[in-house]
Amino acid sequence: MKKSLIPAAALFALASIAWASIALNSSRSNVYRLVSPKNVVSPAQAAAILKALDKVGPGVTEAKLRQILSAQGVNLTLIKKIEIIPAAQRNEKIPAILLLADPGDHAAALAATCPGCDPVQQSPSNSKE
């Protein structure tokens, strides 16, 4: 059983890295990090979104973010999940924004913007002692 888990884990890691390299669109600004699939947000749109977010400053709300995305021509129906991750939660100085077309891509998107974060959050009832 362990022998079959090692290749599966390696495949997952490679898929995560591939997804992250494809999805990290011009993600650096002075205020935010943005991760999104390129089929949802183009690199030009990502740059414009980050410029608008820099003007808003820290503490953007999801409602304001949706306004910015819409103003930049992003098809909001393609985004299934938006997550704004505070900088303190990431142990970073800059918060991150994840725009996910598939919520199942959350772990890979989180890894792309926050290598030190633990993408698996377990509730206390599921922990083993």
N, C-alpha and C. Protein backbone atom coordinates (compact mmCIF):
# COMPACT_ATOMS: atom_id res chain seq x y z
N MET A 1 0.82 -1.19 0.00
CA MET A 1 0.00 0.00 0.00
C MET A 1 0.87 1.26 0.00
N LYS A 2 1.94 1.26 0.84
CA LYS A 2 2.81 2.43 0.90
C LYS A 2 3.50 2.68 -0.43
N LYS A 3 3.83 1.60 -1.15
CA LYS A 3 4.51 1.77 -2.43
C LYS A 3 3.62 2.49 -3.43
N SER A 4 2.32 2.26 -3.38
CA SER A 4 1.42 2.93 -4.32
C SER A 4 1.14 4.36 -3.90
N LEU A 5 1.30 4.69 -2.62
CA LEU A 5 1.07 6.06 -2.17
C LEU A 5 2.19 7.00 -2.56
N ILE A 6 3.42 6.50 -2.62
CA ILE A 6 4.54 7.36 -2.96
C ILE A 6 4.42 7.90 -4.39
N PRO A 7 4.15 7.07 -5.40
CA PRO A 7 3.96 7.63 -6.75
C PRO A 7 2.75 8.57 -6.82
N ALA A 8 1.71 8.25 -6.08
CA ALA A 8 0.52 9.11 -6.09
C ALA A 8 0.85 10.47 -5.49
N ALA A 9 1.62 10.47 -4.40
CA ALA A 9 2.01 11.73 -3.78
C ALA A 9 2.91 12.54 -4.71
N ALA A 10 3.82 11.86 -5.37
CA ALA A 10 4.71 12.54 -6.31
C ALA A 10 3.92 13.13 -7.48
N LEU A 11 2.96 12.39 -7.98
CA LEU A 11 2.12 12.88 -9.07
C LEU A 11 1.32 14.09 -8.62
N PHE A 12 0.77 14.05 -7.41
CA PHE A 12 0.01 15.18 -6.88
C PHE A 12 0.92 16.41 -6.76
N ALA A 13 2.13 16.21 -6.27
CA ALA A 13 3.07 17.33 -6.12
C ALA A 13 3.40 17.94 -7.48
N LEU A 14 3.65 17.10 -8.47
CA LEU A 14 3.94 17.61 -9.82
C LEU A 14 2.74 18.33 -10.41
N ALA A 15 1.55 17.79 -10.20
CA ALA A 15 0.34 18.44 -10.70
C ALA A 15 0.14 19.79 -10.03
N SER A 16 0.42 19.85 -8.73
CA SER A 16 0.30 21.11 -8.00
C SER A 16 1.27 22.15 -8.54
N ILE A 17 2.50 21.72 -8.77
CA ILE A 17 3.51 22.65 -9.29
C ILE A 17 3.12 23.11 -10.69
N ALA A 18 2.65 22.18 -11.51
CA ALA A 18 2.23 22.56 -12.87
C ALA A 18 1.07 23.53 -12.82
N TRP A 19 0.08 23.27 -11.95
CA TRP A 19 -1.07 24.16 -11.85
C TRP A 19 -0.60 25.53 -11.39
N ALA A 20 0.28 25.56 -10.41
CA ALA A 20 0.75 26.83 -9.88
C ALA A 20 1.51 27.62 -10.93
N SER A 21 2.33 26.95 -11.71
CA SER A 21 3.10 27.67 -12.73
C SER A 21 2.20 28.20 -13.83
N ILE A 22 1.12 27.53 -14.09
CA ILE A 22 0.17 27.99 -15.09
C ILE A 22 -0.71 29.10 -14.55
N ALA A 23 -1.06 29.01 -13.27
CA ALA A 23 -2.10 29.87 -12.73
C ALA A 23 -1.61 31.16 -12.09
N LEU A 24 -0.35 31.28 -11.79
CA LEU A 24 0.12 32.46 -11.11
C LEU A 24 0.29 33.58 -12.13
N ASN A 25 -0.72 34.41 -12.24
CA ASN A 25 -0.77 35.48 -13.23
C ASN A 25 -0.20 36.78 -12.68
N SER A 26 0.93 37.25 -13.17
CA SER A 26 1.47 38.56 -12.81
C SER A 26 1.07 38.93 -11.39
N SER A 27 1.38 38.05 -10.46
CA SER A 27 0.71 38.10 -9.18
C SER A 27 1.30 39.05 -8.16
N ARG A 28 2.32 39.77 -8.48
CA ARG A 28 2.94 40.59 -7.45
C ARG A 28 2.53 42.05 -7.55
N SER A 29 2.13 42.57 -6.42
CA SER A 29 1.87 43.99 -6.29
C SER A 29 2.42 44.41 -4.94
N ASN A 30 2.25 45.66 -4.58
CA ASN A 30 2.74 46.12 -3.29
C ASN A 30 1.78 45.75 -2.16
N VAL A 31 0.54 45.39 -2.50
CA VAL A 31 -0.48 45.18 -1.49
C VAL A 31 -1.01 43.74 -1.47
N TYR A 32 -1.08 43.06 -2.61
CA TYR A 32 -1.70 41.74 -2.70
C TYR A 32 -0.90 40.78 -3.56
N ARG A 33 -1.16 39.47 -3.36
CA ARG A 33 -0.74 38.41 -4.26
C ARG A 33 -2.01 37.83 -4.85
N LEU A 34 -2.02 37.58 -6.13
CA LEU A 34 -3.22 37.08 -6.82
C LEU A 34 -2.89 35.77 -7.51
N VAL A 35 -3.73 34.76 -7.28
CA VAL A 35 -3.58 33.47 -7.94
C VAL A 35 -4.90 33.15 -8.62
N SER A 36 -4.82 32.84 -9.91
CA SER A 36 -6.02 32.50 -10.67
C SER A 36 -5.65 31.69 -11.90
N PRO A 37 -6.59 30.89 -12.41
CA PRO A 37 -6.33 30.18 -13.67
C PRO A 37 -6.27 31.16 -14.83
N LYS A 38 -5.37 30.92 -15.76
CA LYS A 38 -5.23 31.82 -16.92
C LYS A 38 -6.46 31.82 -17.82
N ASN A 39 -7.27 30.75 -17.75
CA ASN A 39 -8.48 30.75 -18.58
C ASN A 39 -9.59 31.58 -17.94
N VAL A 40 -9.36 32.08 -16.73
CA VAL A 40 -10.34 32.93 -16.06
C VAL A 40 -9.87 34.38 -16.05
N VAL A 41 -8.59 34.59 -15.75
CA VAL A 41 -8.01 35.93 -15.69
C VAL A 41 -6.74 35.93 -16.53
N SER A 42 -6.71 36.77 -17.53
CA SER A 42 -5.51 36.86 -18.37
C SER A 42 -4.42 37.61 -17.61
N PRO A 43 -3.16 37.48 -18.06
CA PRO A 43 -2.09 38.24 -17.41
C PRO A 43 -2.33 39.76 -17.44
N ALA A 44 -2.89 40.26 -18.54
CA ALA A 44 -3.18 41.70 -18.63
C ALA A 44 -4.27 42.09 -17.63
N GLN A 45 -5.31 41.25 -17.52
CA GLN A 45 -6.36 41.53 -16.54
C GLN A 45 -5.80 41.48 -15.12
N ALA A 46 -4.94 40.49 -14.85
CA ALA A 46 -4.35 40.36 -13.52
C ALA A 46 -3.56 41.62 -13.15
N ALA A 47 -2.78 42.14 -14.09
CA ALA A 47 -2.01 43.35 -13.83
C ALA A 47 -2.94 44.53 -13.53
N ALA A 48 -4.02 44.65 -14.29
CA ALA A 48 -4.98 45.74 -14.07
C ALA A 48 -5.71 45.57 -12.74
N ILE A 49 -6.05 44.34 -12.39
CA ILE A 49 -6.72 44.07 -11.11
C ILE A 49 -5.80 44.45 -9.95
N LEU A 50 -4.53 44.06 -10.04
CA LEU A 50 -3.59 44.37 -8.97
C LEU A 50 -3.36 45.88 -8.86
N LYS A 51 -3.35 46.57 -9.98
CA LYS A 51 -3.20 48.02 -9.96
C LYS A 51 -4.39 48.66 -9.23
N ALA A 52 -5.59 48.17 -9.53
CA ALA A 52 -6.79 48.68 -8.86
C ALA A 52 -6.77 48.34 -7.37
N LEU A 53 -6.31 47.13 -7.04
CA LEU A 53 -6.22 46.73 -5.63
C LEU A 53 -5.19 47.57 -4.88
N ASP A 54 -4.10 47.93 -5.54
CA ASP A 54 -3.10 48.80 -4.91
C ASP A 54 -3.73 50.15 -4.53
N LYS A 55 -4.65 50.65 -5.38
CA LYS A 55 -5.33 51.92 -5.09
C LYS A 55 -6.28 51.77 -3.91
N VAL A 56 -6.92 50.61 -3.78
CA VAL A 56 -7.85 50.36 -2.68
C VAL A 56 -7.09 50.22 -1.37
N GLY A 57 -5.94 49.57 -1.44
CA GLY A 57 -5.14 49.34 -0.24
C GLY A 57 -5.55 48.05 0.46
N PRO A 58 -4.94 47.79 1.60
CA PRO A 58 -5.24 46.55 2.32
C PRO A 58 -6.68 46.55 2.85
N GLY A 59 -7.19 45.37 3.06
CA GLY A 59 -8.52 45.24 3.64
C GLY A 59 -9.65 45.24 2.61
N VAL A 60 -9.37 44.85 1.39
CA VAL A 60 -10.42 44.81 0.37
C VAL A 60 -11.48 43.77 0.77
N THR A 61 -12.73 44.09 0.50
CA THR A 61 -13.81 43.15 0.76
C THR A 61 -14.08 42.33 -0.49
N GLU A 62 -14.79 41.22 -0.33
CA GLU A 62 -15.13 40.41 -1.49
C GLU A 62 -16.03 41.19 -2.44
N ALA A 63 -16.95 41.99 -1.89
CA ALA A 63 -17.84 42.79 -2.74
C ALA A 63 -17.05 43.77 -3.60
N LYS A 64 -16.07 44.46 -2.99
CA LYS A 64 -15.24 45.40 -3.74
C LYS A 64 -14.39 44.66 -4.77
N LEU A 65 -13.86 43.52 -4.38
CA LEU A 65 -13.07 42.71 -5.31
C LEU A 65 -13.91 42.30 -6.51
N ARG A 66 -15.15 41.89 -6.28
CA ARG A 66 -16.03 41.52 -7.40
C ARG A 66 -16.27 42.70 -8.33
N GLN A 67 -16.40 43.91 -7.77
CA GLN A 67 -16.55 45.11 -8.60
C GLN A 67 -15.32 45.32 -9.48
N ILE A 68 -14.16 45.16 -8.88
CA ILE A 68 -12.90 45.34 -9.63
C ILE A 68 -12.79 44.29 -10.73
N LEU A 69 -13.07 43.04 -10.39
CA LEU A 69 -13.01 41.96 -11.39
C LEU A 69 -13.95 42.24 -12.56
N SER A 70 -15.16 42.64 -12.23
CA SER A 70 -16.16 42.93 -13.27
C SER A 70 -15.70 44.10 -14.15
N ALA A 71 -15.15 45.14 -13.51
CA ALA A 71 -14.68 46.31 -14.26
C ALA A 71 -13.54 45.95 -15.22
N GLN A 72 -12.78 44.90 -14.88
CA GLN A 72 -11.67 44.47 -15.74
C GLN A 72 -12.10 43.42 -16.76
N GLY A 73 -13.40 43.14 -16.83
CA GLY A 73 -13.91 42.21 -17.84
C GLY A 73 -13.79 40.75 -17.50
N VAL A 74 -13.58 40.42 -16.22
CA VAL A 74 -13.49 39.04 -15.80
C VAL A 74 -14.89 38.44 -15.75
N ASN A 75 -15.05 37.26 -16.33
CA ASN A 75 -16.34 36.56 -16.33
C ASN A 75 -16.52 35.93 -14.95
N LEU A 76 -17.31 36.57 -14.10
CA LEU A 76 -17.48 36.12 -12.72
C LEU A 76 -18.16 34.77 -12.62
N THR A 77 -18.87 34.35 -13.65
CA THR A 77 -19.52 33.04 -13.59
C THR A 77 -18.50 31.90 -13.64
N LEU A 78 -17.28 32.19 -14.11
CA LEU A 78 -16.24 31.17 -14.15
C LEU A 78 -15.56 30.98 -12.79
N ILE A 79 -15.72 31.96 -11.89
CA ILE A 79 -15.08 31.89 -10.58
C ILE A 79 -16.06 31.25 -9.61
N LYS A 80 -15.69 30.09 -9.11
CA LYS A 80 -16.55 29.34 -8.18
C LYS A 80 -16.26 29.66 -6.73
N LYS A 81 -15.04 30.13 -6.45
CA LYS A 81 -14.67 30.44 -5.07
C LYS A 81 -13.66 31.58 -5.07
N ILE A 82 -13.90 32.56 -4.20
CA ILE A 82 -12.96 33.65 -3.97
C ILE A 82 -12.53 33.57 -2.52
N GLU A 83 -11.24 33.61 -2.30
CA GLU A 83 -10.73 33.59 -0.93
C GLU A 83 -9.70 34.69 -0.77
N ILE A 84 -9.92 35.53 0.22
CA ILE A 84 -8.96 36.58 0.56
C ILE A 84 -8.29 36.12 1.85
N ILE A 85 -6.99 35.86 1.77
CA ILE A 85 -6.25 35.31 2.91
C ILE A 85 -5.41 36.42 3.53
N PRO A 86 -5.69 36.76 4.79
CA PRO A 86 -4.92 37.82 5.46
C PRO A 86 -3.43 37.48 5.53
N ALA A 87 -2.61 38.51 5.52
CA ALA A 87 -1.16 38.31 5.57
C ALA A 87 -0.73 37.54 6.81
N ALA A 88 -1.32 37.85 7.95
CA ALA A 88 -0.93 37.18 9.19
C ALA A 88 -1.19 35.68 9.13
N GLN A 89 -2.26 35.29 8.45
CA GLN A 89 -2.58 33.86 8.31
C GLN A 89 -1.55 33.15 7.44
N ARG A 90 -0.91 33.89 6.56
CA ARG A 90 0.08 33.32 5.64
C ARG A 90 1.50 33.46 6.17
N ASN A 91 1.67 34.12 7.33
CA ASN A 91 3.00 34.43 7.85
C ASN A 91 3.80 35.25 6.84
N GLU A 92 3.12 36.14 6.18
CA GLU A 92 3.72 37.00 5.16
C GLU A 92 3.34 38.45 5.47
N LYS A 93 3.89 39.36 4.70
CA LYS A 93 3.56 40.78 4.86
C LYS A 93 2.41 41.21 3.96
N ILE A 94 2.09 40.37 2.98
CA ILE A 94 1.11 40.74 1.96
C ILE A 94 -0.01 39.70 1.91
N PRO A 95 -1.29 40.12 1.95
CA PRO A 95 -2.38 39.16 1.83
C PRO A 95 -2.46 38.56 0.42
N ALA A 96 -3.16 37.45 0.31
CA ALA A 96 -3.31 36.78 -0.98
C ALA A 96 -4.78 36.69 -1.35
N ILE A 97 -5.02 36.67 -2.64
CA ILE A 97 -6.37 36.48 -3.17
C ILE A 97 -6.33 35.27 -4.09
N LEU A 98 -7.19 34.30 -3.82
CA LEU A 98 -7.32 33.11 -4.66
C LEU A 98 -8.63 33.21 -5.41
N LEU A 99 -8.57 33.12 -6.73
CA LEU A 99 -9.75 33.06 -7.58
C LEU A 99 -9.78 31.66 -8.18
N LEU A 100 -10.73 30.86 -7.77
CA LEU A 100 -10.74 29.46 -8.17
C LEU A 100 -11.91 29.13 -9.09
N ALA A 101 -11.60 28.54 -10.23
CA ALA A 101 -12.63 28.03 -11.12
C ALA A 101 -13.10 26.67 -10.64
N ASP A 102 -12.21 25.97 -9.94
CA ASP A 102 -12.52 24.66 -9.36
C ASP A 102 -12.07 24.69 -7.90
N PRO A 103 -13.01 24.66 -6.94
CA PRO A 103 -12.62 24.69 -5.54
C PRO A 103 -11.66 23.56 -5.15
N GLY A 104 -11.61 22.50 -5.93
CA GLY A 104 -10.67 21.41 -5.68
C GLY A 104 -9.22 21.83 -5.90
N ASP A 105 -9.00 22.96 -6.55
CA ASP A 105 -7.65 23.48 -6.79
C ASP A 105 -7.12 24.32 -5.64
N HIS A 106 -7.88 24.39 -4.55
CA HIS A 106 -7.51 25.26 -3.43
C HIS A 106 -6.11 24.98 -2.91
N ALA A 107 -5.77 23.73 -2.67
CA ALA A 107 -4.46 23.39 -2.11
C ALA A 107 -3.33 23.84 -3.03
N ALA A 108 -3.48 23.62 -4.31
CA ALA A 108 -2.43 24.02 -5.26
C ALA A 108 -2.33 25.54 -5.35
N ALA A 109 -3.46 26.22 -5.33
CA ALA A 109 -3.44 27.69 -5.39
C ALA A 109 -2.80 28.25 -4.12
N LEU A 110 -3.14 27.69 -2.98
CA LEU A 110 -2.56 28.13 -1.73
C LEU A 110 -1.05 27.90 -1.73
N ALA A 111 -0.63 26.76 -2.22
CA ALA A 111 0.80 26.45 -2.30
C ALA A 111 1.53 27.43 -3.22
N ALA A 112 0.86 27.88 -4.27
CA ALA A 112 1.48 28.81 -5.21
C ALA A 112 1.77 30.17 -4.58
N THR A 113 0.93 30.56 -3.66
CA THR A 113 1.10 31.87 -3.05
C THR A 113 1.68 31.82 -1.65
N CYS A 114 1.66 30.66 -1.05
CA CYS A 114 2.07 30.57 0.35
C CYS A 114 2.75 29.23 0.61
N PRO A 115 4.01 29.09 0.21
CA PRO A 115 4.69 27.80 0.37
C PRO A 115 4.73 27.28 1.80
N GLY A 116 4.69 28.16 2.79
CA GLY A 116 4.77 27.73 4.17
C GLY A 116 3.43 27.39 4.81
N CYS A 117 2.32 27.64 4.09
CA CYS A 117 1.00 27.39 4.67
C CYS A 117 0.66 25.91 4.62
N ASP A 118 -0.15 25.47 5.55
CA ASP A 118 -0.65 24.10 5.58
C ASP A 118 -2.00 24.10 4.87
N PRO A 119 -2.10 23.53 3.67
CA PRO A 119 -3.36 23.58 2.94
C PRO A 119 -4.44 22.69 3.53
N VAL A 120 -4.08 21.79 4.43
CA VAL A 120 -5.06 20.87 5.00
C VAL A 120 -5.43 21.34 6.40
N GLN A 121 -6.64 21.76 6.57
CA GLN A 121 -7.14 22.19 7.87
C GLN A 121 -8.04 21.08 8.40
N GLN A 122 -7.69 20.51 9.54
CA GLN A 122 -8.48 19.44 10.12
C GLN A 122 -9.25 19.97 11.30
N SER A 123 -10.50 19.55 11.42
CA SER A 123 -11.27 19.92 12.58
C SER A 123 -10.82 19.06 13.75
N PRO A 124 -11.00 19.54 14.98
CA PRO A 124 -10.55 18.76 16.14
C PRO A 124 -11.18 17.37 16.21
N SER A 125 -12.38 17.20 15.69
CA SER A 125 -13.03 15.90 15.75
C SER A 125 -12.38 14.86 14.83
N ASN A 126 -11.62 15.33 13.83
CA ASN A 126 -10.97 14.42 12.90
C ASN A 126 -9.52 14.12 13.27
N SER A 127 -9.01 14.79 14.30
CA SER A 127 -7.59 14.59 14.62
C SER A 127 -7.42 13.27 15.37
N LYS A 128 -6.25 12.67 15.15
CA LYS A 128 -5.93 11.40 15.81
C LYS A 128 -5.01 11.67 16.99
N GLU A 129 -5.26 11.01 18.09
CA GLU A 129 -4.39 11.19 19.26
C GLU A 129 -3.82 9.88 19.68
